[in-house]
C-alpha atoms as a PDB file:
ATOM      1  CA  UNK A   1     -91.383 -24.143   7.051  1.00  0.00           C
ATOM      2  CA  UNK A   2     -87.936 -24.921   8.306  1.00  0.00           C
ATOM      3  CA  UNK A   3     -86.788 -25.047  11.886  1.00  0.00           C
ATOM      4  CA  UNK A   4     -83.208 -24.770  13.061  1.00  0.00           C
ATOM      5  CA  UNK A   5     -82.544 -27.425  15.646  1.00  0.00           C
ATOM      6  CA  UNK A   6     -79.387 -26.721  17.648  1.00  0.00           C
ATOM      7  CA  UNK A   7     -76.782 -29.414  17.870  1.00  0.00           C
ATOM      8  CA  UNK A   8     -76.911 -30.626  21.439  1.00  0.00           C
ATOM      9  CA  UNK A   9     -74.520 -33.558  21.016  1.00  0.00           C
ATOM     10  CA  UNK A  10     -71.559 -33.185  23.335  1.00  0.00           C
ATOM     11  CA  UNK A  11     -68.043 -33.164  21.991  1.00  0.00           C
ATOM     12  CA  UNK A  12     -66.617 -36.663  21.894  1.00  0.00           C
ATOM     13  CA  UNK A  13     -63.719 -36.832  24.350  1.00  0.00           C
ATOM     14  CA  UNK A  14     -61.537 -39.921  23.839  1.00  0.00           C
ATOM     15  CA  UNK A  15     -61.311 -41.922  27.058  1.00  0.00           C
ATOM     16  CA  UNK A  16     -58.090 -43.646  26.015  1.00  0.00           C
ATOM     17  CA  UNK A  17     -56.395 -40.303  25.433  1.00  0.00           C
ATOM     18  CA  UNK A  18     -57.278 -39.056  28.902  1.00  0.00           C
ATOM     19  CA  UNK A  19     -55.959 -42.232  30.540  1.00  0.00           C
ATOM     20  CA  UNK A  20     -52.836 -42.121  28.363  1.00  0.00           C
ATOM     21  CA  UNK A  21     -52.168 -38.534  29.423  1.00  0.00           C
ATOM     22  CA  UNK A  22     -52.388 -39.426  33.100  1.00  0.00           C
ATOM     23  CA  UNK A  23     -50.183 -42.484  32.582  1.00  0.00           C
ATOM     24  CA  UNK A  24     -47.571 -40.453  30.697  1.00  0.00           C
ATOM     25  CA  UNK A  25     -47.406 -37.894  33.487  1.00  0.00           C
ATOM     26  CA  UNK A  26     -46.874 -40.698  36.005  1.00  0.00           C
ATOM     27  CA  UNK A  27     -44.142 -42.304  33.897  1.00  0.00           C
ATOM     28  CA  UNK A  28     -42.323 -38.980  33.421  1.00  0.00           C
ATOM     29  CA  UNK A  29     -42.393 -38.450  37.176  1.00  0.00           C
ATOM     30  CA  UNK A  30     -41.044 -41.945  37.873  1.00  0.00           C
ATOM     31  CA  UNK A  31     -38.341 -41.565  35.212  1.00  0.00           C
ATOM     32  CA  UNK A  32     -37.037 -38.316  36.679  1.00  0.00           C
ATOM     33  CA  UNK A  33     -37.219 -39.748  40.178  1.00  0.00           C
ATOM     34  CA  UNK A  34     -35.182 -42.809  39.163  1.00  0.00           C
ATOM     35  CA  UNK A  35     -32.550 -40.630  37.494  1.00  0.00           C
ATOM     36  CA  UNK A  36     -32.316 -38.426  40.569  1.00  0.00           C
ATOM     37  CA  UNK A  37     -32.047 -41.477  42.818  1.00  0.00           C
ATOM     38  CA  UNK A  38     -29.195 -42.839  40.683  1.00  0.00           C
ATOM     39  CA  UNK A  39     -27.391 -39.503  40.929  1.00  0.00           C
ATOM     40  CA  UNK A  40     -27.912 -39.255  44.695  1.00  0.00           C
ATOM     41  CA  UNK A  41     -26.658 -42.813  45.176  1.00  0.00           C
ATOM     42  CA  UNK A  42     -23.135 -41.464  44.559  1.00  0.00           C
ATOM     43  CA  UNK A  43     -23.349 -39.247  47.639  1.00  0.00           C
ATOM     44  CA  UNK A  44     -21.625 -40.351  50.873  1.00  0.00           C
ATOM     45  CA  UNK A  45     -24.936 -40.712  52.720  1.00  0.00           C
ATOM     46  CA  UNK A  46     -27.125 -42.954  50.617  1.00  0.00           C
ATOM     47  CA  UNK A  47     -29.862 -43.143  53.248  1.00  0.00           C
ATOM     48  CA  UNK A  48     -31.049 -39.703  52.151  1.00  0.00           C
ATOM     49  CA  UNK A  49     -32.855 -41.311  49.199  1.00  0.00           C
ATOM     50  CA  UNK A  50     -35.124 -43.475  51.338  1.00  0.00           C
ATOM     51  CA  UNK A  51     -35.326 -40.996  54.196  1.00  0.00           C
ATOM     52  CA  UNK A  52     -36.490 -38.056  52.099  1.00  0.00           C
ATOM     53  CA  UNK A  53     -38.314 -39.999  49.399  1.00  0.00           C
ATOM     54  CA  UNK A  54     -41.701 -38.275  50.036  1.00  0.00           C
ATOM     55  CA  UNK A  55     -40.100 -34.835  49.824  1.00  0.00           C
ATOM     56  CA  UNK A  56     -38.224 -35.719  46.628  1.00  0.00           C
ATOM     57  CA  UNK A  57     -41.357 -37.112  45.012  1.00  0.00           C
ATOM     58  CA  UNK A  58     -43.447 -34.088  46.005  1.00  0.00           C
ATOM     59  CA  UNK A  59     -40.794 -31.630  44.793  1.00  0.00           C
ATOM     60  CA  UNK A  60     -40.497 -33.327  41.391  1.00  0.00           C
ATOM     61  CA  UNK A  61     -44.262 -33.452  41.024  1.00  0.00           C
ATOM     62  CA  UNK A  62     -44.545 -29.750  41.892  1.00  0.00           C
ATOM     63  CA  UNK A  63     -41.789 -28.846  39.415  1.00  0.00           C
ATOM     64  CA  UNK A  64     -43.458 -30.804  36.609  1.00  0.00           C
ATOM     65  CA  UNK A  65     -46.833 -29.212  37.270  1.00  0.00           C
ATOM     66  CA  UNK A  66     -45.307 -25.749  37.570  1.00  0.00           C
ATOM     67  CA  UNK A  67     -43.385 -26.049  34.312  1.00  0.00           C
ATOM     68  CA  UNK A  68     -46.383 -27.414  32.422  1.00  0.00           C
ATOM     69  CA  UNK A  69     -49.620 -26.005  33.851  1.00  0.00           C
ATOM     70  CA  UNK A  70     -48.363 -22.518  34.716  1.00  0.00           C
ATOM     71  CA  UNK A  71     -45.773 -21.888  32.016  1.00  0.00           C
ATOM     72  CA  UNK A  72     -48.088 -19.506  30.116  1.00  0.00           C
ATOM     73  CA  UNK A  73     -49.815 -16.509  31.634  1.00  0.00           C
ATOM     74  CA  UNK A  74     -52.905 -14.782  30.399  1.00  0.00           C
ATOM     75  CA  UNK A  75     -54.141 -17.701  28.254  1.00  0.00           C
ATOM     76  CA  UNK A  76     -57.240 -19.639  29.182  1.00  0.00           C
ATOM     77  CA  UNK A  77     -55.681 -23.026  28.469  1.00  0.00           C
ATOM     78  CA  UNK A  78     -53.202 -25.158  30.367  1.00  0.00           C
ATOM     79  CA  UNK A  79     -51.949 -28.720  30.016  1.00  0.00           C
ATOM     80  CA  UNK A  80     -49.534 -31.139  31.601  1.00  0.00           C
ATOM     81  CA  UNK A  81     -46.848 -32.814  29.506  1.00  0.00           C
ATOM     82  CA  UNK A  82     -48.929 -35.968  29.086  1.00  0.00           C
ATOM     83  CA  UNK A  83     -51.950 -33.937  28.061  1.00  0.00           C
ATOM     84  CA  UNK A  84     -49.875 -31.921  25.603  1.00  0.00           C
ATOM     85  CA  UNK A  85     -48.621 -35.094  23.927  1.00  0.00           C
ATOM     86  CA  UNK A  86     -52.184 -36.418  23.649  1.00  0.00           C
ATOM     87  CA  UNK A  87     -53.577 -33.034  22.516  1.00  0.00           C
ATOM     88  CA  UNK A  88     -55.638 -32.271  25.616  1.00  0.00           C
ATOM     89  CA  UNK A  89     -55.958 -29.098  27.610  1.00  0.00           C
ATOM     90  CA  UNK A  90     -57.688 -27.573  30.634  1.00  0.00           C
ATOM     91  CA  UNK A  91     -60.022 -24.645  30.050  1.00  0.00           C
ATOM     92  CA  UNK A  92     -61.264 -22.861  33.117  1.00  0.00           C
ATOM     93  CA  UNK A  93     -60.466 -20.674  36.067  1.00  0.00           C
ATOM     94  CA  UNK A  94     -56.817 -20.492  37.069  1.00  0.00           C
ATOM     95  CA  UNK A  95     -57.802 -20.925  40.703  1.00  0.00           C
ATOM     96  CA  UNK A  96     -58.970 -24.462  39.952  1.00  0.00           C
ATOM     97  CA  UNK A  97     -55.587 -25.266  38.458  1.00  0.00           C
ATOM     98  CA  UNK A  98     -53.782 -23.997  41.559  1.00  0.00           C
ATOM     99  CA  UNK A  99     -56.082 -26.048  43.774  1.00  0.00           C
ATOM    100  CA  UNK A 100     -55.595 -29.070  41.516  1.00  0.00           C
ATOM    101  CA  UNK A 101     -51.798 -28.743  41.732  1.00  0.00           C
ATOM    102  CA  UNK A 102     -51.904 -28.236  45.500  1.00  0.00           C
ATOM    103  CA  UNK A 103     -54.061 -31.309  46.109  1.00  0.00           C
ATOM    104  CA  UNK A 104     -52.130 -33.427  43.563  1.00  0.00           C
ATOM    105  CA  UNK A 105     -48.847 -32.723  45.343  1.00  0.00           C
ATOM    106  CA  UNK A 106     -49.880 -32.215  48.944  1.00  0.00           C
ATOM    107  CA  UNK A 107     -52.334 -35.074  49.460  1.00  0.00           C
ATOM    108  CA  UNK A 108     -49.975 -37.960  48.508  1.00  0.00           C
ATOM    109  CA  UNK A 109     -47.140 -36.324  50.462  1.00  0.00           C
ATOM    110  CA  UNK A 110     -49.230 -35.867  53.621  1.00  0.00           C
ATOM    111  CA  UNK A 111     -50.590 -39.415  53.400  1.00  0.00           C
ATOM    112  CA  UNK A 112     -47.138 -40.963  52.906  1.00  0.00           C
ATOM    113  CA  UNK A 113     -45.687 -38.976  55.812  1.00  0.00           C
ATOM    114  CA  UNK A 114     -48.601 -39.955  58.059  1.00  0.00           C
ATOM    115  CA  UNK A 115     -48.199 -43.664  57.286  1.00  0.00           C
ATOM    116  CA  UNK A 116     -44.450 -43.444  57.931  1.00  0.00           C
ATOM    117  CA  UNK A 117     -44.995 -41.698  61.237  1.00  0.00           C
ATOM    118  CA  UNK A 118     -47.537 -44.297  62.324  1.00  0.00           C
ATOM    119  CA  UNK A 119     -45.154 -47.092  61.368  1.00  0.00           C
ATOM    120  CA  UNK A 120     -41.936 -45.601  62.785  1.00  0.00           C
ATOM    121  CA  UNK A 121     -43.417 -44.594  66.134  1.00  0.00           C
ATOM    122  CA  UNK A 122     -45.526 -47.753  66.463  1.00  0.00           C
ATOM    123  CA  UNK A 123     -48.752 -45.918  67.124  1.00  0.00           C
ATOM    124  CA  UNK A 124     -50.685 -49.163  66.748  1.00  0.00           C
ATOM    125  CA  UNK A 125     -49.064 -50.416  69.976  1.00  0.00           C
ATOM    126  CA  UNK A 126     -49.840 -47.247  71.949  1.00  0.00           C
ATOM    127  CA  UNK A 127     -52.991 -46.871  74.034  1.00  0.00           C
ATOM    128  CA  UNK A 128     -55.603 -44.212  73.445  1.00  0.00           C
ATOM    129  CA  UNK A 129     -56.426 -42.182  70.363  1.00  0.00           C
ATOM    130  CA  UNK A 130     -53.117 -42.872  68.621  1.00  0.00           C
ATOM    131  CA  UNK A 131     -53.834 -46.568  68.380  1.00  0.00           C
ATOM    132  CA  UNK A 132     -57.336 -45.817  67.080  1.00  0.00           C
ATOM    133  CA  UNK A 133     -55.948 -43.427  64.447  1.00  0.00           C
ATOM    134  CA  UNK A 134     -53.419 -46.019  63.284  1.00  0.00           C
ATOM    135  CA  UNK A 135     -56.096 -48.686  62.944  1.00  0.00           C
ATOM    136  CA  UNK A 136     -58.440 -46.355  61.062  1.00  0.00           C
ATOM    137  CA  UNK A 137     -55.669 -45.263  58.693  1.00  0.00           C
ATOM    138  CA  UNK A 138     -54.598 -48.837  58.015  1.00  0.00           C
ATOM    139  CA  UNK A 139     -58.018 -50.488  57.698  1.00  0.00           C
ATOM    140  CA  UNK A 140     -60.519 -47.807  56.680  1.00  0.00           C
ATOM    141  CA  UNK A 141     -59.104 -44.813  54.810  1.00  0.00           C
ATOM    142  CA  UNK A 142     -56.979 -46.526  52.171  1.00  0.00           C
ATOM    143  CA  UNK A 143     -59.586 -49.192  51.229  1.00  0.00           C
ATOM    144  CA  UNK A 144     -62.209 -46.446  51.062  1.00  0.00           C
ATOM    145  CA  UNK A 145     -60.030 -44.386  48.736  1.00  0.00           C
ATOM    146  CA  UNK A 146     -59.357 -47.386  46.494  1.00  0.00           C
ATOM    147  CA  UNK A 147     -63.099 -48.026  46.296  1.00  0.00           C
ATOM    148  CA  UNK A 148     -63.713 -44.399  45.300  1.00  0.00           C
ATOM    149  CA  UNK A 149     -61.051 -44.651  42.590  1.00  0.00           C
ATOM    150  CA  UNK A 150     -62.664 -47.813  41.224  1.00  0.00           C
ATOM    151  CA  UNK A 151     -66.167 -46.306  41.229  1.00  0.00           C
ATOM    152  CA  UNK A 152     -64.898 -43.154  39.540  1.00  0.00           C
ATOM    153  CA  UNK A 153     -63.141 -45.246  36.886  1.00  0.00           C
ATOM    154  CA  UNK A 154     -66.336 -47.156  36.131  1.00  0.00           C
ATOM    155  CA  UNK A 155     -68.253 -43.896  35.915  1.00  0.00           C
ATOM    156  CA  UNK A 156     -65.556 -42.443  33.679  1.00  0.00           C
ATOM    157  CA  UNK A 157     -65.722 -45.412  31.294  1.00  0.00           C
ATOM    158  CA  UNK A 158     -69.460 -44.836  30.927  1.00  0.00           C
ATOM    159  CA  UNK A 159     -69.547 -41.038  30.581  1.00  0.00           C
ATOM    160  CA  UNK A 160     -65.988 -40.206  29.459  1.00  0.00           C
ATOM    161  CA  UNK A 161     -65.709 -37.328  31.952  1.00  0.00           C
ATOM    162  CA  UNK A 162     -63.424 -36.778  34.974  1.00  0.00           C
ATOM    163  CA  UNK A 163     -60.744 -39.526  34.814  1.00  0.00           C
ATOM    164  CA  UNK A 164     -59.792 -39.219  38.516  1.00  0.00           C
ATOM    165  CA  UNK A 165     -61.729 -38.415  41.701  1.00  0.00           C
ATOM    166  CA  UNK A 166     -59.790 -35.148  42.002  1.00  0.00           C
ATOM    167  CA  UNK A 167     -60.980 -34.063  38.548  1.00  0.00           C
ATOM    168  CA  UNK A 168     -64.550 -34.891  39.548  1.00  0.00           C
ATOM    169  CA  UNK A 169     -64.233 -33.030  42.842  1.00  0.00           C
ATOM    170  CA  UNK A 170     -62.989 -29.860  41.142  1.00  0.00           C
ATOM    171  CA  UNK A 171     -65.151 -30.284  38.013  1.00  0.00           C
ATOM    172  CA  UNK A 172     -61.966 -30.069  35.946  1.00  0.00           C
ATOM    173  CA  UNK A 173     -62.385 -31.824  32.627  1.00  0.00           C
ATOM    174  CA  UNK A 174     -59.567 -32.375  30.086  1.00  0.00           C
ATOM    175  CA  UNK A 175     -60.751 -31.237  26.660  1.00  0.00           C
ATOM    176  CA  UNK A 176     -59.248 -31.984  23.239  1.00  0.00           C
ATOM    177  CA  UNK A 177     -57.412 -29.109  21.625  1.00  0.00           C
ATOM    178  CA  UNK A 178     -58.898 -29.956  18.219  1.00  0.00           C
ATOM    179  CA  UNK A 179     -62.265 -31.707  18.655  1.00  0.00           C
ATOM    180  CA  UNK A 180     -62.761 -32.259  14.930  1.00  0.00           C
ATOM    181  CA  UNK A 181     -59.452 -34.058  14.440  1.00  0.00           C
ATOM    182  CA  UNK A 182     -59.749 -37.788  13.949  1.00  0.00           C
ATOM    183  CA  UNK A 183     -57.370 -40.150  15.665  1.00  0.00           C
ATOM    184  CA  UNK A 184     -54.996 -41.764  13.171  1.00  0.00           C
ATOM    185  CA  UNK A 185     -53.599 -44.890  14.736  1.00  0.00           C
ATOM    186  CA  UNK A 186     -50.386 -46.254  13.237  1.00  0.00           C
ATOM    187  CA  UNK A 187     -49.501 -49.887  13.776  1.00  0.00           C
ATOM    188  CA  UNK A 188     -45.941 -49.648  12.422  1.00  0.00           C
ATOM    189  CA  UNK A 189     -44.424 -49.613  15.895  1.00  0.00           C
ATOM    190  CA  UNK A 190     -46.637 -52.537  16.928  1.00  0.00           C
ATOM    191  CA  UNK A 191     -45.509 -54.527  13.886  1.00  0.00           C
ATOM    192  CA  UNK A 192     -41.840 -53.896  14.686  1.00  0.00           C
ATOM    193  CA  UNK A 193     -42.419 -54.839  18.307  1.00  0.00           C
ATOM    194  CA  UNK A 194     -44.084 -58.118  17.320  1.00  0.00           C
ATOM    195  CA  UNK A 195     -41.296 -58.957  14.844  1.00  0.00           C
ATOM    196  CA  UNK A 196     -38.527 -58.280  17.383  1.00  0.00           C
ATOM    197  CA  UNK A 197     -40.376 -60.297  20.043  1.00  0.00           C
ATOM    198  CA  UNK A 198     -40.761 -63.249  17.665  1.00  0.00           C
ATOM    199  CA  UNK A 199     -37.094 -63.040  16.608  1.00  0.00           C
ATOM    200  CA  UNK A 200     -35.946 -62.914  20.245  1.00  0.00           C
ATOM    201  CA  UNK A 201     -38.067 -65.915  21.156  1.00  0.00           C
ATOM    202  CA  UNK A 202     -36.699 -67.861  18.162  1.00  0.00           C
ATOM    203  CA  UNK A 203     -33.092 -67.095  19.157  1.00  0.00           C
ATOM    204  CA  UNK A 204     -33.695 -68.028  22.787  1.00  0.00           C
ATOM    205  CA  UNK A 205     -35.302 -71.263  21.610  1.00  0.00           C
ATOM    206  CA  UNK A 206     -32.524 -72.127  19.134  1.00  0.00           C
ATOM    207  CA  UNK A 207     -29.471 -71.437  21.324  1.00  0.00           C
ATOM    208  CA  UNK A 208     -29.998 -74.389  23.728  1.00  0.00           C
ATOM    209  CA  UNK A 209     -30.666 -76.660  20.755  1.00  0.00           C
ATOM    210  CA  UNK A 210     -27.429 -75.525  19.115  1.00  0.00           C
ATOM    211  CA  UNK A 211     -25.324 -76.311  22.177  1.00  0.00           C
ATOM    212  CA  UNK A 212     -26.988 -79.676  22.659  1.00  0.00           C
ATOM    213  CA  UNK A 213     -26.762 -80.593  18.956  1.00  0.00           C
ATOM    214  CA  UNK A 214     -23.031 -79.850  18.526  1.00  0.00           C
ATOM    215  CA  UNK A 215     -21.868 -83.256  19.883  1.00  0.00           C
ATOM    216  CA  UNK A 216     -24.378 -85.045  17.640  1.00  0.00           C
ATOM    217  CA  UNK A 217     -23.174 -83.146  14.577  1.00  0.00           C
ATOM    218  CA  UNK A 218     -19.535 -83.973  15.367  1.00  0.00           C
ATOM    219  CA  UNK A 219     -20.348 -87.645  15.755  1.00  0.00           C
ATOM    220  CA  UNK A 220     -22.228 -87.632  12.462  1.00  0.00           C
ATOM    221  CA  UNK A 221     -19.292 -85.934  10.688  1.00  0.00           C
ATOM    222  CA  UNK A 222     -16.752 -88.340  12.152  1.00  0.00           C
ATOM    223  CA  UNK A 223     -18.913 -91.304  11.131  1.00  0.00           C
ATOM    224  CA  UNK A 224     -18.725 -90.302   7.458  1.00  0.00           C
ATOM    225  CA  UNK A 225     -15.210 -90.443   5.902  1.00  0.00           C
ATOM    226  CA  UNK A 226     -15.968 -87.846   3.229  1.00  0.00           C
ATOM    227  CA  UNK A 227     -17.420 -85.382   5.699  1.00  0.00           C
ATOM    228  CA  UNK A 228     -14.522 -86.025   8.103  1.00  0.00           C
ATOM    229  CA  UNK A 229     -11.995 -85.305   5.345  1.00  0.00           C
ATOM    230  CA  UNK A 230     -13.838 -82.151   4.354  1.00  0.00           C
ATOM    231  CA  UNK A 231     -13.961 -81.039   7.989  1.00  0.00           C
ATOM    232  CA  UNK A 232     -10.202 -81.597   8.348  1.00  0.00           C
ATOM    233  CA  UNK A 233      -9.524 -79.510   5.244  1.00  0.00           C
ATOM    234  CA  UNK A 234     -11.729 -76.679   6.432  1.00  0.00           C
ATOM    235  CA  UNK A 235     -10.444 -76.679   9.999  1.00  0.00           C
ATOM    236  CA  UNK A 236      -6.850 -77.051   8.861  1.00  0.00           C
ATOM    237  CA  UNK A 237      -7.239 -74.226   6.368  1.00  0.00           C
ATOM    238  CA  UNK A 238      -8.726 -71.928   8.972  1.00  0.00           C
ATOM    239  CA  UNK A 239      -5.913 -72.770  11.384  1.00  0.00           C
ATOM    240  CA  UNK A 240      -3.276 -72.017   8.718  1.00  0.00           C
ATOM    241  CA  UNK A 241      -4.983 -68.721   7.910  1.00  0.00           C
ATOM    242  CA  UNK A 242      -4.971 -67.714  11.570  1.00  0.00           C
ATOM    243  CA  UNK A 243      -1.269 -68.634  11.839  1.00  0.00           C
ATOM    244  CA  UNK A 244      -0.373 -66.647   8.720  1.00  0.00           C
ATOM    245  CA  UNK A 245      -2.379 -63.657   9.960  1.00  0.00           C
ATOM    246  CA  UNK A 246      -0.548 -63.785  13.291  1.00  0.00           C
ATOM    247  CA  UNK A 247       2.821 -63.877  11.501  1.00  0.00           C
ATOM    248  CA  UNK A 248       1.906 -60.863   9.385  1.00  0.00           C
ATOM    249  CA  UNK A 249       1.283 -58.824  12.521  1.00  0.00           C
ATOM    250  CA  UNK A 250       4.838 -59.462  13.800  1.00  0.00           C
ATOM    251  CA  UNK A 251       7.637 -56.873  13.308  1.00  0.00           C
ATOM    252  CA  UNK A 252       9.819 -57.100  10.230  1.00  0.00           C
ATOM    253  CA  UNK A 253      12.953 -58.249  12.097  1.00  0.00           C
ATOM    254  CA  UNK A 254      11.205 -61.273  13.660  1.00  0.00           C
ATOM    255  CA  UNK A 255      11.477 -64.711  12.010  1.00  0.00           C
ATOM    256  CA  UNK A 256      13.315 -63.224   9.070  1.00  0.00           C
ATOM    257  CA  UNK A 257      10.193 -61.620   7.576  1.00  0.00           C
ATOM    258  CA  UNK A 258      11.207 -59.078   4.930  1.00  0.00           C
ATOM    259  CA  UNK A 259      10.270 -55.512   5.644  1.00  0.00           C
END
């Protein structure tokens, strides 16, 4: 008598891949923002960069999400650029993706604008509800949010689901595009990085020693007659070669050099 027991083991979702995808999206956003800031620095009014920084950041974030999450219509999958590079995707209702994009862009923008308004207008020095709002925003909301992020991260490291509080709120879980594919980690780049770091450290260590050892080497050469004679021959030969090379570069009618 045989019984078919269904496989109830959940699909293994790499935690590192989910965190890498989120980090890649953040780095792409910062890279584009830095490039745009460098381009806008050439404008006559450079204060636009700092004045409209929240709007610029929100616009770039919205463009990146629009070009990645909503570039295909009719399919049940969507992914940001970081998720695409790490082979992750969202599977679910499109309404959740719109809400995810709206909260991802709008919440940081609204919070940054609120903090700037509180700081510019000095609400903390005003009497009444404005002062209370400024104190609550400065001492309660941000520490509470940081605590929620930390708790969600600890929960994520245990379960491997919902890397951010927003993902947990919307029940939006990144899923691997090919669950059966094993991760092949290549250490070639790491080896090159270690070799270049060691070579750079060796050069930085040797350069000061070279400059400090040159007077000692000259004294040692001058103290030995044979080495001093050899040094004179070498230095004199190099000087003659430089002089001959300089003469060859002169025109034919200078110094009687034949054409």
